[in-house]
Amino acid sequence: MHLCRDIISSHLINIPSHLISSLFSCKLRNSCSFLKTYDYTAIMAMPYMEGADDPEGWMNDLVEKVKNHPEGLKKSLFELQSVNWRTKKLISTEEIVKWMQNLQVRKAINFGYYPDDFHQDHPQADIVHRGISKQNYPFRL
C-alpha cells in the first residue's frame, strides 16, 4: 500500500525559499517529514486557484522548489487543475497538456489533473494521450 499526503502549493510558493525545507521536513507542521513519512506527496499545482498572474512561471517556480529536495520529484505528484474555479470556466485541454509537457521537461514524473469530467470529455482524453504519449512527445527521463 502506498500512502500519500496532500499539501497545498501556496505553502510552497508563498513562503521564502529558505523555509521550503522546513515545510518538507514539517518543521512548520507536525514535526514529521512528508517525503519521509509518505510514499508520495500530492501537491495541488493549481495556478489559477492560487491567483497566479503567470501560470506557467508559477508552475516552473513550484517545480524548481520541489526539485531542490532529495527525492522531491520522485516522491511528489503534481495535481493540475482542469477548471478555473475563480471564473468557473474550463481550462483548455491544450493548456493542461502544455503544463504536463513542461513538467516532463523539468523531470517531474508524477502528475495528473482534477476534475476529470469523462461525461463531457474534459480534458479531452485523445489530446491528453497524444500530448504525453512517448510516441508523440518522446522524452527519456
Protein backbone atom coordinates (compact mmCIF):
# COMPACT_ATOMS: atom_id res chain seq x y z
CA MET A 1 0.00 0.00 0.00
CA HIS A 2 1.22 3.49 -0.83
CA LEU A 3 0.44 6.41 1.43
CA CYS A 4 0.02 9.89 0.05
CA ARG A 5 -0.30 13.30 1.68
CA ASP A 6 -1.83 16.38 0.02
CA ILE A 7 -0.19 19.73 0.51
CA ILE A 8 -1.40 22.97 -0.93
CA SER A 9 1.08 24.56 -3.30
CA SER A 10 0.57 28.06 -1.95
CA HIS A 11 2.54 26.94 1.09
CA LEU A 12 5.47 26.27 -1.25
CA ILE A 13 5.09 29.37 -3.41
CA ASN A 14 4.25 32.00 -0.82
CA ILE A 15 6.95 31.35 1.74
CA PRO A 16 10.62 32.32 1.42
CA SER A 17 12.84 29.77 -0.33
CA HIS A 18 14.91 29.16 2.79
CA LEU A 19 11.76 27.90 4.56
CA ILE A 20 10.79 25.39 1.85
CA SER A 21 12.99 22.76 3.51
CA SER A 22 11.12 23.36 6.72
CA LEU A 23 7.83 22.65 5.01
CA PHE A 24 9.04 19.35 3.61
CA SER A 25 10.58 18.37 6.92
CA CYS A 26 7.36 19.54 8.60
CA LYS A 27 9.04 21.95 10.98
CA LEU A 28 6.18 24.25 10.05
CA ARG A 29 3.71 21.40 10.68
CA ASN A 30 3.53 18.38 12.97
CA SER A 31 7.31 17.73 13.12
CA CYS A 32 7.16 14.91 10.57
CA SER A 33 8.58 14.68 7.06
CA PHE A 34 6.13 14.48 4.17
CA LEU A 35 8.69 12.92 1.89
CA LYS A 36 9.98 10.51 4.52
CA THR A 37 6.63 9.63 6.06
CA TYR A 38 4.63 9.12 2.88
CA ASP A 39 5.40 7.23 -0.30
CA TYR A 40 4.13 10.20 -2.32
CA THR A 41 3.15 13.76 -1.59
CA ALA A 42 0.36 15.18 -3.79
CA ILE A 43 0.88 18.87 -4.46
CA MET A 44 -2.07 20.90 -5.64
CA ALA A 45 -0.32 22.56 -8.58
CA MET A 46 -3.19 24.88 -9.44
CA PRO A 47 -2.00 28.32 -10.56
CA TYR A 48 -5.44 29.77 -11.29
CA MET A 49 -6.75 28.70 -7.90
CA GLU A 50 -3.77 30.48 -6.38
CA GLY A 51 -4.45 33.62 -8.44
CA ALA A 52 -1.15 33.46 -10.34
CA ASP A 53 -0.63 36.22 -12.92
CA ASP A 54 1.77 34.00 -14.88
CA PRO A 55 0.51 30.39 -14.58
CA GLU A 56 3.45 28.89 -16.49
CA GLY A 57 6.04 30.81 -14.48
CA TRP A 58 4.21 29.93 -11.28
CA MET A 59 4.31 26.24 -12.20
CA ASN A 60 8.02 26.44 -13.07
CA ASP A 61 8.78 28.03 -9.68
CA LEU A 62 6.84 25.30 -7.91
CA VAL A 63 8.70 22.51 -9.73
CA GLU A 64 12.08 24.12 -9.03
CA LYS A 65 11.31 24.35 -5.32
CA VAL A 66 10.27 20.70 -5.19
CA LYS A 67 13.32 19.70 -7.26
CA ASN A 68 15.63 21.16 -4.59
CA HIS A 69 14.77 18.33 -2.18
CA PRO A 70 16.23 14.84 -2.24
CA GLU A 71 13.70 12.64 -4.00
CA GLY A 72 11.38 15.66 -4.26
CA LEU A 73 10.36 14.99 -7.86
CA LYS A 74 10.38 11.23 -7.47
CA LYS A 75 8.01 11.26 -4.49
CA SER A 76 5.78 14.20 -5.46
CA LEU A 77 2.66 14.08 -7.57
CA PHE A 78 1.61 17.35 -9.19
CA GLU A 79 -2.17 17.69 -9.25
CA LEU A 80 -3.16 20.07 -12.06
CA GLN A 81 -6.50 21.84 -12.29
CA SER A 82 -8.81 21.37 -15.27
CA VAL A 83 -11.26 24.03 -14.10
CA ASN A 84 -10.62 27.63 -13.13
CA TRP A 85 -12.86 27.78 -10.08
CA ARG A 86 -12.43 31.55 -9.81
CA THR A 87 -14.02 32.15 -13.23
CA LYS A 88 -15.98 28.87 -13.34
CA LYS A 89 -14.52 28.17 -16.81
CA LEU A 90 -12.82 25.07 -18.11
CA ILE A 91 -9.08 25.27 -18.67
CA SER A 92 -8.32 24.25 -22.23
CA THR A 93 -7.01 20.74 -22.75
CA GLU A 94 -4.12 22.26 -24.69
CA GLU A 95 -3.05 24.33 -21.68
CA ILE A 96 -3.25 21.31 -19.38
CA VAL A 97 -1.15 19.27 -21.83
CA LYS A 98 1.36 22.14 -22.04
CA TRP A 99 1.68 22.04 -18.25
CA MET A 100 2.20 18.27 -18.38
CA GLN A 101 4.86 18.57 -21.05
CA ASN A 102 6.56 21.34 -19.10
CA LEU A 103 6.57 19.11 -16.01
CA GLN A 104 8.20 16.35 -18.06
CA VAL A 105 10.87 18.72 -19.37
CA ARG A 106 11.69 19.61 -15.77
CA LYS A 107 11.95 15.88 -14.90
CA ALA A 108 8.71 15.63 -12.90
CA ILE A 109 7.37 12.13 -13.40
CA ASN A 110 4.12 12.01 -11.44
CA PHE A 111 1.24 14.25 -12.40
CA GLY A 112 -2.48 14.21 -13.01
CA TYR A 113 -5.43 16.55 -13.20
CA TYR A 114 -8.67 17.20 -11.38
CA PRO A 115 -11.52 17.07 -12.04
CA ASP A 116 -11.76 14.53 -14.82
CA ASP A 117 -15.18 15.09 -16.38
CA PHE A 118 -15.37 11.99 -18.55
CA HIS A 119 -19.07 12.61 -19.32
CA GLN A 120 -18.16 15.86 -21.10
CA ASP A 121 -14.71 14.57 -22.19
CA HIS A 122 -12.85 17.32 -20.39
CA PRO A 123 -9.97 17.39 -20.60
CA GLN A 124 -10.18 15.70 -23.98
CA ALA A 125 -8.66 12.25 -23.49
CA ASP A 126 -7.34 11.89 -27.05
CA ILE A 127 -5.47 15.22 -26.85
CA VAL A 128 -4.06 14.41 -23.40
CA HIS A 129 -2.93 11.00 -24.64
CA ARG A 130 -1.23 12.41 -27.74
CA GLY A 131 0.33 15.18 -25.68
CA ILE A 132 2.06 12.93 -23.18
CA SER A 133 2.48 9.74 -25.21
CA LYS A 134 6.02 8.55 -25.81
CA GLN A 135 5.10 8.21 -29.47
CA ASN A 136 4.25 11.89 -29.84
CA TYR A 137 6.21 13.52 -27.06
CA PRO A 138 9.34 11.39 -26.76
CA PHE A 139 11.23 12.37 -23.63
CA ARG A 140 13.55 9.93 -21.98
CA LEU A 141 13.55 10.80 -18.31
